Amino acid sequence: MHDARAIAELILKGFRRHFRLFQQITHQAGEHFQNANWRGYQQDSADRIHYYDDRVTETIEQLRQIGHRGTPDTELWQEIKACYQQALLFHPQAELAETFYNSVFCRLFHRQYFHNQLIFVESTVSKERLPVPMASVYDSYFPAETGMRAAIRQILRRTLPTLQFSNLDRDIRYVLKSYAEQARHDLHPIHLLRLDILKSVFYRNKAAYLVGRIVTPDGQEPFILSILHDPKRGIYIDALLTEPTDMSLIFGFSRAYFMVDVPVPSALVHFLKELLPHRTLAELYSAVGLHKQGKTEYYRELLSHLAQSDDQFVAAPGIRGLVMMVFTLPSFPYVFKVIRDTFAESKPFGRDTVKARYHLVKSHDRVGRMADTMEYSDVALPIHRFSKELLDELNATIADSMYRDGDQLVIRHLYIERRMTPLNIALEQADDTEKHRLMQDYGQALKDMVAANIFPGDMLLKNFGVTRHGRVVFYDYDEVQYLLDMNFRAIPTPDNWDDLLSAEPWYPIHLGDVFPEQIATFVTSQPQLRQLLSQSHPELLDYQYWQQKQQSIRQGQVEDVFPYSQQQRFCVRYGQ
């Protein structure tokens, strides 16, 4: 079988199967929310991560069965790409289908063939002329016709038709009251307002979110309605979020991907981009669960940035890690992480364990406290952009993970994360007030991860970063494990003076043992920071706290970890 059109159709058929299954499992999120089936939601969210690679593998096997392996016939594959591109005209998921094609080709053939004649290094999808108009993904409402209360009620009934709110009149009253309190200007007359609401509901963890904007003569104001389902209280609107910072955090890189129907991804993402201009296309595609497309968009952003800049890659600031070698491009807000060839004796595990732990975080609920990572293979970067000092360090630490190919340095396996200020450095630069805030948020980060059944392992301050919004986020996953796999103990009382004065533990320590009362001492040698942590979160130093959290997880409880402050919740602001 060497017909270009037939091969293009085979690849497109693989993509269509992937997207159909992706949509099916995503659609179940609404049922899980309605039934308060949080465990079912978590399982679907984790399972969905694998769907893309499974469909790519299936397509590759079909191509190999008909002889496509080894060296590609370049003339044939140019024709295949042309046929595939023709099939994507006006296709509602064209950019995703291009990425699927790239994934298949790049798994089949050597990287020397990864150029725009054979794959979609550059997208053929117009950024200005979407395959389907953006207006197709949202509905517009005109409060002047019905009144604002009726308009909100209409939005909820149309967008969430199967939900029965426990007290909708009260919720609508709180929405209007909150909007009036948060307005940054005099409220416009009702006849000058239009409400645009995305048709797709955004589900994550235990919440549903409606995303929209208020359009006025002065421009547009984005907003998010957060809806919760408590088996005791029923279904209710929990908060109205209008501040750009709050919205950015909800779509942030430290949270799990949304489960949201995306029949026309480009239109949905461009709508979100208008609301969140500081978020990149890569971040927004990833946020709505299309993380492979996020990787593609990110790589294009990187290539574009390299072409428009001239600074050099350098080692990332901060204390060197024992497992990862980390470098960065100062003008680009990301870090590049490569597993070291050898680990220190204090890290009794290997490369496969590290990769498995990064994958664990990728497929888990990150509760706003763990940075998302993009994983790449065979990444080629211009060698002249590396400083001599960095090249020397890379040769000494990751020589087995890289090779030179002409004027390119090819890294075989690479993780990329948003760059943050290491927490230990942020604390060195902070005044006493900021130190208190950072240590309080560090402790809260630990609690949030614990609630999600995550034990970070190495809790040193250098393994946490501070985002541009001042939020403490964990980013070093080589010792991450499930909380349920750990054994939390109290340090035994010494039997005699020799035990008490011993420099080494006098009691047996087994694999997985953790002694929480040592946490403050372990994470920092500075008495002030230890005291701040102990005062802010004394329960973290009590082994019984950790055991109780384990018991709650074993009983099937899924804790609430809100992506906004308690003060923004209606039940706190107004009481209910």
Protein backbone atom coordinates (compact mmCIF):
# COMPACT_ATOMS: atom_id res chain seq x y z
CA MET A 1 0.00 0.00 0.00
CA HIS A 2 1.82 3.14 -1.21
CA ASP A 3 -1.07 5.40 -2.17
CA ALA A 4 -0.44 8.77 -0.49
CA ARG A 5 -4.11 9.61 -0.09
CA ALA A 6 -4.85 6.24 1.53
CA ILE A 7 -1.98 6.66 4.00
CA ALA A 8 -3.09 10.18 4.85
CA GLU A 9 -6.59 8.84 5.48
CA LEU A 10 -5.18 6.06 7.70
CA ILE A 11 -3.45 8.65 9.89
CA LEU A 12 -6.50 10.89 9.95
CA LYS A 13 -8.64 7.91 10.90
CA GLY A 14 -6.33 7.33 13.89
CA PHE A 15 -6.78 10.95 14.93
CA ARG A 16 -10.55 10.78 14.59
CA ARG A 17 -10.63 7.69 16.80
CA HIS A 18 -8.46 9.44 19.38
CA PHE A 19 -10.61 12.57 19.46
CA ARG A 20 -13.85 10.61 19.67
CA LEU A 21 -12.62 8.63 22.67
CA PHE A 22 -11.16 11.78 24.22
CA GLN A 23 -14.54 13.51 23.97
CA GLN A 24 -16.41 10.49 25.33
CA ILE A 25 -14.39 10.25 28.54
CA THR A 26 -14.40 14.03 28.92
CA HIS A 27 -18.18 14.15 28.61
CA GLN A 28 -18.49 11.84 31.63
CA ALA A 29 -17.19 14.63 33.89
CA GLY A 30 -20.66 16.22 33.96
CA GLU A 31 -22.21 12.98 35.17
CA HIS A 32 -19.54 12.57 37.83
CA PHE A 33 -20.21 16.11 39.07
CA GLN A 34 -23.97 15.60 39.16
CA ASN A 35 -23.53 12.36 41.12
CA ALA A 36 -20.70 13.71 43.33
CA ASN A 37 -18.61 10.78 42.08
CA TRP A 38 -15.21 12.32 42.76
CA ARG A 39 -13.27 9.06 42.61
CA GLY A 40 -14.75 8.30 39.22
CA TYR A 41 -13.75 11.75 38.02
CA GLN A 42 -10.18 11.31 39.27
CA GLN A 43 -9.88 7.94 37.53
CA ASP A 44 -11.15 9.31 34.22
CA SER A 45 -8.83 12.30 34.47
CA ALA A 46 -5.82 10.03 35.00
CA ASP A 47 -6.87 7.56 32.29
CA ARG A 48 -7.34 10.30 29.70
CA ILE A 49 -3.65 11.23 29.88
CA HIS A 50 -2.76 7.98 28.06
CA TYR A 51 -5.35 8.17 25.29
CA TYR A 52 -3.23 10.13 22.84
CA ASP A 53 -0.13 7.93 22.98
CA ASP A 54 -2.28 4.80 22.72
CA ARG A 55 -3.87 5.99 19.46
CA VAL A 56 -0.51 7.08 18.03
CA THR A 57 0.90 3.63 18.80
CA GLU A 58 -2.05 1.95 17.09
CA THR A 59 -1.58 4.06 13.96
CA ILE A 60 2.16 3.41 13.85
CA GLU A 61 1.61 -0.34 14.05
CA GLN A 62 -0.74 -0.17 11.07
CA LEU A 63 1.83 1.78 9.06
CA ARG A 64 4.64 -0.60 9.97
CA GLN A 65 2.54 -3.55 8.87
CA ILE A 66 2.43 -2.08 5.36
CA GLY A 67 6.15 -1.40 5.25
CA HIS A 68 6.63 2.10 6.62
CA ARG A 69 9.70 1.86 8.83
CA GLY A 70 13.37 2.82 8.72
CA THR A 71 14.02 5.47 6.06
CA PRO A 72 11.01 7.35 4.66
CA ASP A 73 10.38 7.79 0.95
CA THR A 74 10.60 11.59 0.99
CA GLU A 75 8.66 12.13 -2.23
CA LEU A 76 5.87 9.86 -1.03
CA TRP A 77 5.69 11.52 2.40
CA GLN A 78 5.65 14.98 0.87
CA GLU A 79 2.62 13.84 -1.08
CA ILE A 80 1.10 12.25 2.04
CA LYS A 81 1.49 15.53 3.93
CA ALA A 82 -0.10 17.45 1.05
CA CYS A 83 -3.08 15.06 0.98
CA TYR A 84 -3.42 15.26 4.75
CA GLN A 85 -3.26 19.04 4.67
CA GLN A 86 -5.96 19.14 2.00
CA ALA A 87 -8.21 16.99 4.20
CA LEU A 88 -7.86 19.50 7.04
CA LEU A 89 -9.35 22.45 5.19
CA PHE A 90 -12.17 23.76 7.43
CA HIS A 91 -11.59 20.81 9.80
CA PRO A 92 -12.80 21.83 13.31
CA GLN A 93 -9.78 20.17 14.98
CA ALA A 94 -7.23 20.89 12.25
CA GLU A 95 -4.38 21.97 14.53
CA LEU A 96 -4.79 18.86 16.70
CA ALA A 97 -4.82 16.63 13.62
CA GLU A 98 -1.54 18.23 12.47
CA THR A 99 0.04 17.42 15.82
CA PHE A 100 -1.21 13.83 15.62
CA TYR A 101 0.40 13.50 12.17
CA ASN A 102 3.68 14.87 13.57
CA SER A 103 3.58 12.40 16.47
CA VAL A 104 3.12 9.45 14.12
CA PHE A 105 5.87 10.52 11.73
CA CYS A 106 8.35 11.39 14.48
CA ARG A 107 7.87 8.01 16.14
CA LEU A 108 8.40 6.24 12.81
CA PHE A 109 11.51 7.99 11.52
CA HIS A 110 14.80 9.57 12.57
CA ARG A 111 14.95 13.22 13.58
CA GLN A 112 16.98 14.14 10.48
CA TYR A 113 13.66 14.04 8.61
CA PHE A 114 11.88 16.40 11.02
CA HIS A 115 11.55 19.41 8.74
CA ASN A 116 8.65 21.33 7.31
CA GLN A 117 8.58 19.47 4.00
CA LEU A 118 7.60 16.27 5.77
CA ILE A 119 5.91 17.35 9.00
CA PHE A 120 4.03 20.38 10.31
CA VAL A 121 6.91 22.22 11.97
CA GLU A 122 4.91 25.30 11.07
CA SER A 123 1.15 25.01 11.30
CA THR A 124 -0.89 25.53 8.16
CA VAL A 125 -3.88 26.58 10.27
CA SER A 126 -4.47 30.31 10.07
CA LYS A 127 -4.38 32.08 13.42
CA GLU A 128 -6.58 34.84 12.02
CA ARG A 129 -9.15 32.77 10.13
CA LEU A 130 -10.35 29.99 12.38
CA PRO A 131 -11.88 26.90 10.70
CA VAL A 132 -15.08 27.63 12.61
CA PRO A 133 -16.05 31.15 13.84
CA MET A 134 -15.23 31.79 17.48
CA ALA A 135 -18.87 32.76 18.08
CA SER A 136 -19.79 29.09 17.67
CA VAL A 137 -18.35 28.24 21.10
CA TYR A 138 -20.32 30.75 23.17
CA ASP A 139 -23.87 32.00 23.63
CA SER A 140 -24.77 35.64 24.04
CA TYR A 141 -27.41 36.96 26.46
CA PHE A 142 -28.93 40.44 26.62
CA PRO A 143 -30.09 41.36 30.15
CA ALA A 144 -32.05 44.36 28.80
CA GLU A 145 -34.55 41.92 27.33
CA THR A 146 -35.22 39.90 30.47
CA GLY A 147 -33.53 41.57 33.42
CA MET A 148 -30.21 40.50 34.95
CA ARG A 149 -31.65 37.90 37.33
CA ALA A 150 -33.57 36.19 34.56
CA ALA A 151 -30.51 36.32 32.28
CA ILE A 152 -28.36 34.52 34.87
CA ARG A 153 -31.10 31.95 35.42
CA GLN A 154 -31.30 31.40 31.66
CA ILE A 155 -27.52 30.94 31.44
CA LEU A 156 -27.54 28.28 34.14
CA ARG A 157 -30.50 26.40 32.69
CA ARG A 158 -29.06 26.36 29.18
CA THR A 159 -25.48 25.54 30.14
CA LEU A 160 -26.24 23.11 32.98
CA PRO A 161 -29.73 21.82 32.11
CA THR A 162 -29.65 18.70 34.29
CA LEU A 163 -28.53 20.33 37.54
CA GLN A 164 -30.97 21.13 40.31
CA PHE A 165 -29.66 23.98 42.46
CA SER A 166 -30.56 23.84 46.11
CA ASN A 167 -31.41 27.57 46.33
CA LEU A 168 -30.94 29.28 42.99
CA ASP A 169 -32.68 32.51 43.97
CA ARG A 170 -30.22 33.00 46.83
CA ASP A 171 -27.25 32.14 44.59
CA ILE A 172 -28.27 34.64 41.91
CA ARG A 173 -28.72 37.31 44.56
CA TYR A 174 -25.17 36.64 45.81
CA VAL A 175 -23.77 36.73 42.26
CA LEU A 176 -25.26 40.17 41.65
CA LYS A 177 -24.17 41.46 45.04
CA SER A 178 -20.64 40.17 44.53
CA TYR A 179 -20.42 41.68 41.06
CA ALA A 180 -21.47 45.09 42.37
CA GLU A 181 -18.81 44.86 45.11
CA GLN A 182 -16.06 43.79 42.71
CA ALA A 183 -16.83 46.27 39.92
CA ARG A 184 -13.83 48.47 39.17
CA HIS A 185 -15.97 51.26 37.72
CA ASP A 186 -19.49 52.64 37.80
CA LEU A 187 -21.92 49.96 36.69
CA HIS A 188 -23.17 50.35 33.13
CA PRO A 189 -26.90 50.61 32.39
CA ILE A 190 -28.40 47.22 31.66
CA HIS A 191 -29.19 48.08 28.04
CA LEU A 192 -25.44 48.49 27.39
CA LEU A 193 -24.50 44.99 28.61
CA ARG A 194 -24.05 41.70 26.79
CA LEU A 195 -23.08 38.44 28.47
CA ASP A 196 -21.02 35.93 26.45
CA ILE A 197 -20.83 32.48 28.07
CA LEU A 198 -18.83 29.54 26.78
CA LYS A 199 -21.16 26.65 25.98
CA SER A 200 -18.67 24.17 27.44
CA VAL A 201 -18.54 23.68 31.21
CA PHE A 202 -15.09 23.37 32.79
CA TYR A 203 -14.86 20.53 35.32
CA ARG A 204 -11.95 19.93 37.66
CA ASN A 205 -11.68 18.15 40.99
CA LYS A 206 -14.99 18.79 42.80
CA ALA A 207 -16.07 21.93 40.96
CA ALA A 208 -17.74 23.07 37.75
CA TYR A 209 -16.86 26.43 36.25
CA LEU A 210 -18.77 28.66 33.85
CA VAL A 211 -16.46 31.00 31.94
CA GLY A 212 -17.66 34.15 30.26
CA ARG A 213 -17.35 37.88 29.80
CA ILE A 214 -19.45 40.99 30.22
CA VAL A 215 -19.21 43.15 27.11
CA THR A 216 -19.76 46.91 27.54
CA PRO A 217 -18.99 50.00 25.46
CA ASP A 218 -15.70 50.22 27.36
CA GLY A 219 -14.57 46.71 26.46
CA GLN A 220 -14.94 43.29 28.04
CA GLU A 221 -14.68 42.03 31.62
CA PRO A 222 -14.02 38.32 32.12
CA PHE A 223 -15.60 36.33 34.93
CA ILE A 224 -15.86 32.79 36.24
CA LEU A 225 -18.72 31.25 38.22
CA SER A 226 -17.62 28.41 40.51
CA ILE A 227 -20.28 25.78 41.23
CA LEU A 228 -19.95 23.08 43.88
CA HIS A 229 -21.88 19.94 44.76
CA ASP A 230 -21.97 18.99 48.40
CA PRO A 231 -24.08 15.90 49.14
CA LYS A 232 -25.44 17.65 52.26
CA ARG A 233 -25.96 21.16 50.87
CA GLY A 234 -26.77 20.21 47.32
CA ILE A 235 -25.59 22.11 44.24
CA TYR A 236 -24.83 25.81 44.66
CA ILE A 237 -22.80 28.69 43.25
CA ASP A 238 -19.78 29.13 45.49
CA ALA A 239 -18.03 32.21 44.10
CA LEU A 240 -17.88 34.83 41.38
CA LEU A 241 -14.33 35.55 40.24
CA THR A 242 -13.57 38.67 38.24
CA GLU A 243 -9.99 39.58 39.11
CA PRO A 244 -7.46 38.73 36.34
CA THR A 245 -5.09 37.22 38.92
CA ASP A 246 -7.77 34.84 40.21
CA MET A 247 -8.68 33.74 36.70
CA SER A 248 -5.03 33.26 35.78
CA LEU A 249 -4.52 31.05 38.84
CA ILE A 250 -7.51 28.89 37.93
CA PHE A 251 -5.97 28.30 34.50
CA GLY A 252 -2.47 28.06 35.96
CA PHE A 253 0.30 25.56 35.21
CA SER A 254 0.19 24.06 38.70
CA ARG A 255 -3.32 22.64 38.36
CA ALA A 256 -4.73 19.50 36.77
CA TYR A 257 -6.15 19.74 33.27
CA PHE A 258 -9.80 20.63 32.97
CA MET A 259 -12.32 18.14 31.68
CA VAL A 260 -14.15 20.27 29.12
CA ASP A 261 -15.85 19.47 25.82
CA VAL A 262 -13.78 21.06 23.04
CA PRO A 263 -15.50 20.40 19.69
CA VAL A 264 -13.66 23.38 18.17
CA PRO A 265 -10.44 23.72 20.20
CA SER A 266 -8.98 26.70 18.33
CA ALA A 267 -12.12 28.78 18.83
CA LEU A 268 -12.36 27.88 22.53
CA VAL A 269 -8.70 28.64 23.16
CA HIS A 270 -8.83 31.95 21.30
CA PHE A 271 -11.83 32.99 23.40
CA LEU A 272 -9.84 32.16 26.54
CA LYS A 273 -6.82 34.00 25.15
CA GLU A 274 -8.89 37.17 24.89
CA LEU A 275 -9.86 36.80 28.56
CA LEU A 276 -6.36 35.79 29.71
CA PRO A 277 -3.90 37.64 27.45
CA HIS A 278 -0.90 36.74 29.64
CA ARG A 279 -1.49 33.02 29.13
CA THR A 280 0.21 31.52 26.08
CA LEU A 281 -1.59 29.31 23.58
CA ALA A 282 0.52 26.42 24.86
CA GLU A 283 -0.68 26.96 28.42
CA LEU A 284 -4.32 27.31 27.40
CA TYR A 285 -4.35 24.20 25.20
CA SER A 286 -2.79 22.27 28.07
CA ALA A 287 -5.26 23.69 30.59
CA VAL A 288 -8.25 22.33 28.63
CA GLY A 289 -6.69 18.85 28.51
CA LEU A 290 -5.03 19.04 25.10
CA HIS A 291 -1.53 18.77 26.53
CA LYS A 292 -0.01 17.30 23.36
CA GLN A 293 -1.17 20.36 21.44
CA GLY A 294 0.22 22.43 24.29
CA LYS A 295 3.61 20.82 23.72
CA THR A 296 3.43 21.58 20.01
CA GLU A 297 2.50 25.21 20.58
CA TYR A 298 5.25 25.54 23.19
CA TYR A 299 7.91 24.15 20.84
CA ARG A 300 6.85 26.63 18.16
CA GLU A 301 7.08 29.42 20.73
CA LEU A 302 10.59 28.26 21.61
CA LEU A 303 11.73 28.15 17.97
CA SER A 304 10.27 31.61 17.39
CA HIS A 305 11.94 32.98 20.50
CA LEU A 306 15.32 31.51 19.57
CA ALA A 307 15.07 33.18 16.17
CA GLN A 308 14.32 36.55 17.76
CA SER A 309 16.83 36.53 20.63
CA ASP A 310 20.57 36.12 21.07
CA ASP A 311 21.18 35.37 24.77
CA GLN A 312 22.72 32.08 25.83
CA PHE A 313 21.50 29.12 27.83
CA VAL A 314 23.01 29.12 31.32
CA ALA A 315 22.72 26.96 34.42
CA ALA A 316 19.58 27.81 36.37
CA PRO A 317 20.16 29.87 39.53
CA GLY A 318 19.95 28.10 42.85
CA ILE A 319 21.47 25.06 44.51
CA ARG A 320 22.33 22.28 42.06
CA GLY A 321 20.02 19.27 42.24
CA LEU A 322 21.35 15.78 42.88
CA VAL A 323 19.13 14.16 40.23
CA MET A 324 18.41 16.83 37.61
CA MET A 325 20.70 19.16 35.73
CA VAL A 326 18.72 22.34 35.14
CA PHE A 327 19.45 25.16 32.71
CA THR A 328 17.52 28.11 31.35
CA LEU A 329 17.46 30.85 28.74
CA PRO A 330 17.28 34.12 30.70
CA SER A 331 14.98 35.79 28.16
CA PHE A 332 12.54 32.85 28.11
CA PRO A 333 10.42 32.04 31.20
CA TYR A 334 11.10 28.29 31.37
CA VAL A 335 13.69 25.88 32.71
CA PHE A 336 15.03 22.76 31.00
CA LYS A 337 15.65 19.70 33.16
CA VAL A 338 17.69 16.62 32.23
CA ILE A 339 18.21 13.54 34.39
CA ARG A 340 21.85 13.27 35.47
CA ASP A 341 23.93 10.31 34.35
CA THR A 342 24.71 9.36 37.95
CA PHE A 343 23.08 10.20 41.28
CA ALA A 344 24.55 10.82 44.71
CA GLU A 345 24.48 7.94 47.21
CA SER A 346 21.64 9.67 49.04
CA LYS A 347 19.41 8.99 45.99
CA PRO A 348 19.12 5.17 45.95
CA PHE A 349 17.13 4.87 42.72
CA GLY A 350 17.66 5.13 38.98
CA ARG A 351 16.51 6.92 35.85
CA ASP A 352 13.38 4.79 35.37
CA THR A 353 12.18 5.63 38.87
CA VAL A 354 12.62 9.35 38.22
CA LYS A 355 10.66 9.14 34.96
CA ALA A 356 7.90 7.17 36.68
CA ARG A 357 7.59 9.77 39.44
CA TYR A 358 7.36 12.64 36.97
CA HIS A 359 4.67 10.68 35.15
CA LEU A 360 2.83 10.14 38.46
CA VAL A 361 2.58 13.91 38.93
CA LYS A 362 1.55 14.39 35.30
CA SER A 363 -1.46 12.13 35.69
CA HIS A 364 -2.38 13.22 39.23
CA ASP A 365 -4.36 16.09 40.71
CA ARG A 366 -1.74 18.83 41.19
CA VAL A 367 -4.07 20.96 43.40
CA GLY A 368 -2.32 24.18 42.40
CA ARG A 369 0.88 23.15 44.18
CA MET A 370 2.85 21.12 41.62
CA ALA A 371 4.21 22.52 38.38
CA ASP A 372 3.18 20.91 35.12
CA THR A 373 6.03 19.46 33.08
CA MET A 374 6.32 18.98 29.34
CA GLU A 375 8.31 15.90 28.40
CA TYR A 376 10.20 15.78 25.10
CA SER A 377 12.52 13.40 23.26
CA ASP A 378 15.39 14.30 20.91
CA VAL A 379 15.18 18.07 21.33
CA ALA A 380 17.67 19.88 19.08
CA LEU A 381 18.95 23.26 20.28
CA PRO A 382 21.56 25.48 18.56
CA ILE A 383 24.86 24.72 20.22
CA HIS A 384 26.17 28.27 19.82
CA ARG A 385 23.45 29.42 22.22
CA PHE A 386 25.05 27.48 25.10
CA SER A 387 27.63 29.24 27.24
CA LYS A 388 30.98 27.50 27.52
CA GLU A 389 30.50 27.09 31.26
CA LEU A 390 27.15 25.39 30.75
CA LEU A 391 28.48 23.09 28.01
CA ASP A 392 31.30 22.01 30.31
CA GLU A 393 28.82 21.27 33.09
CA LEU A 394 26.48 19.39 30.75
CA ASN A 395 29.35 17.24 29.49
CA ALA A 396 30.24 16.44 33.09
CA THR A 397 26.71 15.62 34.24
CA ILE A 398 24.46 14.50 31.35
CA ALA A 399 26.85 13.32 28.61
CA ASP A 400 24.85 10.09 28.17
CA SER A 401 21.68 12.09 27.52
CA MET A 402 22.94 14.30 24.69
CA TYR A 403 24.93 14.29 21.48
CA ARG A 404 26.08 16.79 18.89
CA ASP A 405 24.53 16.75 15.42
CA GLY A 406 26.21 19.39 13.26
CA ASP A 407 25.48 22.77 14.81
CA GLN A 408 22.77 21.31 17.07
CA LEU A 409 22.95 19.89 20.56
CA VAL A 410 20.40 17.08 20.76
CA ILE A 411 19.04 16.15 24.19
CA ARG A 412 17.53 12.68 24.24
CA HIS A 413 15.11 13.21 27.12
CA LEU A 414 14.08 16.58 28.47
CA TYR A 415 11.55 18.08 30.88
CA ILE A 416 10.47 21.70 30.58
CA GLU A 417 8.75 23.69 33.34
CA ARG A 418 7.75 27.28 33.99
CA ARG A 419 10.63 29.12 35.65
CA MET A 420 10.06 30.22 39.23
CA THR A 421 12.19 31.83 41.89
CA PRO A 422 13.51 29.05 44.17
CA LEU A 423 11.88 29.43 47.57
CA ASN A 424 15.20 29.49 49.42
CA ILE A 425 16.35 32.42 47.26
CA ALA A 426 13.03 34.24 47.65
CA LEU A 427 13.34 33.90 51.42
CA GLU A 428 16.88 35.29 51.39
CA GLN A 429 15.58 38.39 49.60
CA ALA A 430 12.41 38.81 51.70
CA ASP A 431 11.72 41.05 54.67
CA ASP A 432 10.21 39.59 57.84
CA THR A 433 6.61 40.09 56.69
CA GLU A 434 7.23 38.36 53.39
CA LYS A 435 9.14 35.55 55.08
CA HIS A 436 6.12 34.89 57.28
CA ARG A 437 3.81 34.83 54.26
CA LEU A 438 6.08 32.54 52.26
CA MET A 439 6.58 30.04 55.08
CA GLN A 440 2.85 30.04 55.77
CA ASP A 441 2.20 29.30 52.08
CA TYR A 442 4.95 26.66 52.05
CA GLY A 443 3.18 24.83 54.86
CA GLN A 444 -0.16 25.21 53.08
CA ALA A 445 1.41 23.78 49.92
CA LEU A 446 2.40 20.67 51.89
CA LYS A 447 -1.14 20.38 53.25
CA ASP A 448 -2.70 20.75 49.81
CA MET A 449 -0.48 18.00 48.40
CA VAL A 450 -1.24 15.77 51.36
CA ALA A 451 -4.95 16.25 50.69
CA ALA A 452 -4.33 14.92 47.17
CA ASN A 453 -2.50 11.80 48.46
CA ILE A 454 0.93 13.17 47.52
CA PHE A 455 3.99 13.03 49.74
CA PRO A 456 6.71 15.25 48.23
CA GLY A 457 9.58 13.31 49.79
CA ASP A 458 12.35 15.87 49.67
CA MET A 459 10.77 18.91 51.31
CA LEU A 460 13.85 21.15 51.23
CA LEU A 461 12.99 24.77 50.45
CA LYS A 462 15.14 24.70 47.30
CA ASN A 463 12.72 22.19 45.77
CA PHE A 464 9.88 24.71 45.86
CA GLY A 465 9.47 27.83 43.76
CA VAL A 466 7.57 31.10 44.00
CA THR A 467 5.42 32.04 41.01
CA ARG A 468 4.93 35.58 39.69
CA HIS A 469 1.72 35.65 41.74
CA GLY A 470 3.68 34.88 44.92
CA ARG A 471 2.36 31.33 45.25
CA VAL A 472 4.60 28.52 46.56
CA VAL A 473 4.73 25.57 44.16
CA PHE A 474 6.65 22.28 44.30
CA TYR A 475 8.74 21.34 41.26
CA ASP A 476 11.23 18.59 42.15
CA TYR A 477 9.58 15.17 41.78
CA ASP A 478 12.37 12.62 42.05
CA GLU A 479 11.23 11.53 45.54
CA VAL A 480 7.46 11.98 45.12
CA GLN A 481 5.34 9.09 46.37
CA TYR A 482 1.74 8.47 47.33
CA LEU A 483 0.98 9.50 50.89
CA LEU A 484 -0.57 6.08 51.53
CA ASP A 485 2.77 4.40 50.80
CA MET A 486 4.52 6.13 53.69
CA ASN A 487 4.74 5.15 57.36
CA PHE A 488 4.47 8.14 59.69
CA ARG A 489 5.94 7.57 63.13
CA ALA A 490 6.82 9.37 66.32
CA ILE A 491 10.45 9.27 67.40
CA PRO A 492 10.64 6.72 70.24
CA THR A 493 11.49 7.93 73.73
CA PRO A 494 15.15 7.14 74.52
CA ASP A 495 15.74 4.43 77.12
CA ASN A 496 18.98 5.84 78.48
CA TRP A 497 21.47 8.72 78.28
CA ASP A 498 23.54 6.99 75.63
CA ASP A 499 20.52 6.90 73.34
CA LEU A 500 19.68 10.52 74.10
CA LEU A 501 23.19 11.76 73.30
CA SER A 502 23.75 9.50 70.31
CA ALA A 503 24.60 11.27 67.02
CA GLU A 504 22.84 8.49 65.10
CA PRO A 505 19.28 7.16 65.57
CA TRP A 506 19.14 4.48 68.27
CA TYR A 507 15.91 3.08 66.86
CA PRO A 508 15.33 1.06 63.68
CA ILE A 509 14.30 3.00 60.53
CA HIS A 510 12.64 1.16 57.69
CA LEU A 511 12.04 2.11 54.06
CA GLY A 512 9.11 4.53 53.93
CA ASP A 513 9.40 5.69 57.54
CA VAL A 514 8.82 9.41 58.11
CA PHE A 515 9.20 11.29 61.41
CA PRO A 516 7.18 14.54 61.07
CA GLU A 517 8.60 16.16 64.19
CA GLN A 518 11.88 16.47 62.28
CA ILE A 519 10.39 18.33 59.31
CA ALA A 520 11.14 21.87 60.49
CA THR A 521 14.71 20.88 61.34
CA PHE A 522 15.15 19.07 58.04
CA VAL A 523 13.86 21.71 55.63
CA THR A 524 16.00 24.62 56.90
CA SER A 525 18.88 25.34 59.23
CA GLN A 526 17.61 28.87 59.97
CA PRO A 527 15.92 29.12 63.38
CA GLN A 528 13.66 31.98 62.25
CA LEU A 529 12.21 29.97 59.36
CA ARG A 530 11.81 26.87 61.54
CA GLN A 531 9.88 28.92 64.07
CA LEU A 532 7.68 30.46 61.38
CA LEU A 533 6.77 27.03 60.04
CA SER A 534 6.14 25.60 63.50
CA GLN A 535 3.92 28.54 64.44
CA SER A 536 1.97 28.61 61.18
CA HIS A 537 1.42 24.87 60.82
CA PRO A 538 2.20 23.04 64.07
CA GLU A 539 0.13 20.01 62.96
CA LEU A 540 2.68 19.27 60.21
CA LEU A 541 5.10 18.28 62.98
CA ASP A 542 2.63 15.80 64.49
CA TYR A 543 2.69 12.26 63.09
CA GLN A 544 -0.96 11.81 64.05
CA TYR A 545 -1.97 14.56 61.59
CA TRP A 546 -0.37 12.64 58.73
CA GLN A 547 -1.91 9.36 59.85
CA GLN A 548 -5.36 10.99 60.02
CA LYS A 549 -4.96 12.26 56.46
CA GLN A 550 -4.06 8.75 55.35
CA GLN A 551 -7.14 7.37 57.06
CA SER A 552 -9.38 9.93 55.34
CA ILE A 553 -8.00 8.95 51.93
CA ARG A 554 -8.47 5.25 52.66
CA GLN A 555 -12.10 5.98 53.52
CA GLY A 556 -12.60 7.50 50.08
CA GLN A 557 -12.81 11.13 51.15
CA VAL A 558 -11.75 13.73 48.58
CA GLU A 559 -10.92 17.03 50.26
CA ASP A 560 -11.80 20.46 48.89
CA VAL A 561 -8.76 22.39 47.67
CA PHE A 562 -10.08 25.66 46.30
CA PRO A 563 -8.25 27.62 43.57
CA TYR A 564 -9.40 30.84 45.21
CA SER A 565 -9.38 32.23 48.74
CA GLN A 566 -11.93 31.41 51.41
CA GLN A 567 -12.85 35.12 51.55
CA GLN A 568 -14.15 34.91 47.97
CA ARG A 569 -16.63 32.17 48.79
CA PHE A 570 -20.24 33.30 49.20
CA CYS A 571 -20.68 31.22 52.35
CA VAL A 572 -17.87 33.21 53.99
CA ARG A 573 -18.75 36.61 52.55
CA TYR A 574 -22.48 36.47 53.10
CA GLY A 575 -23.18 33.40 55.19
CA GLN A 576 -25.57 30.65 54.08
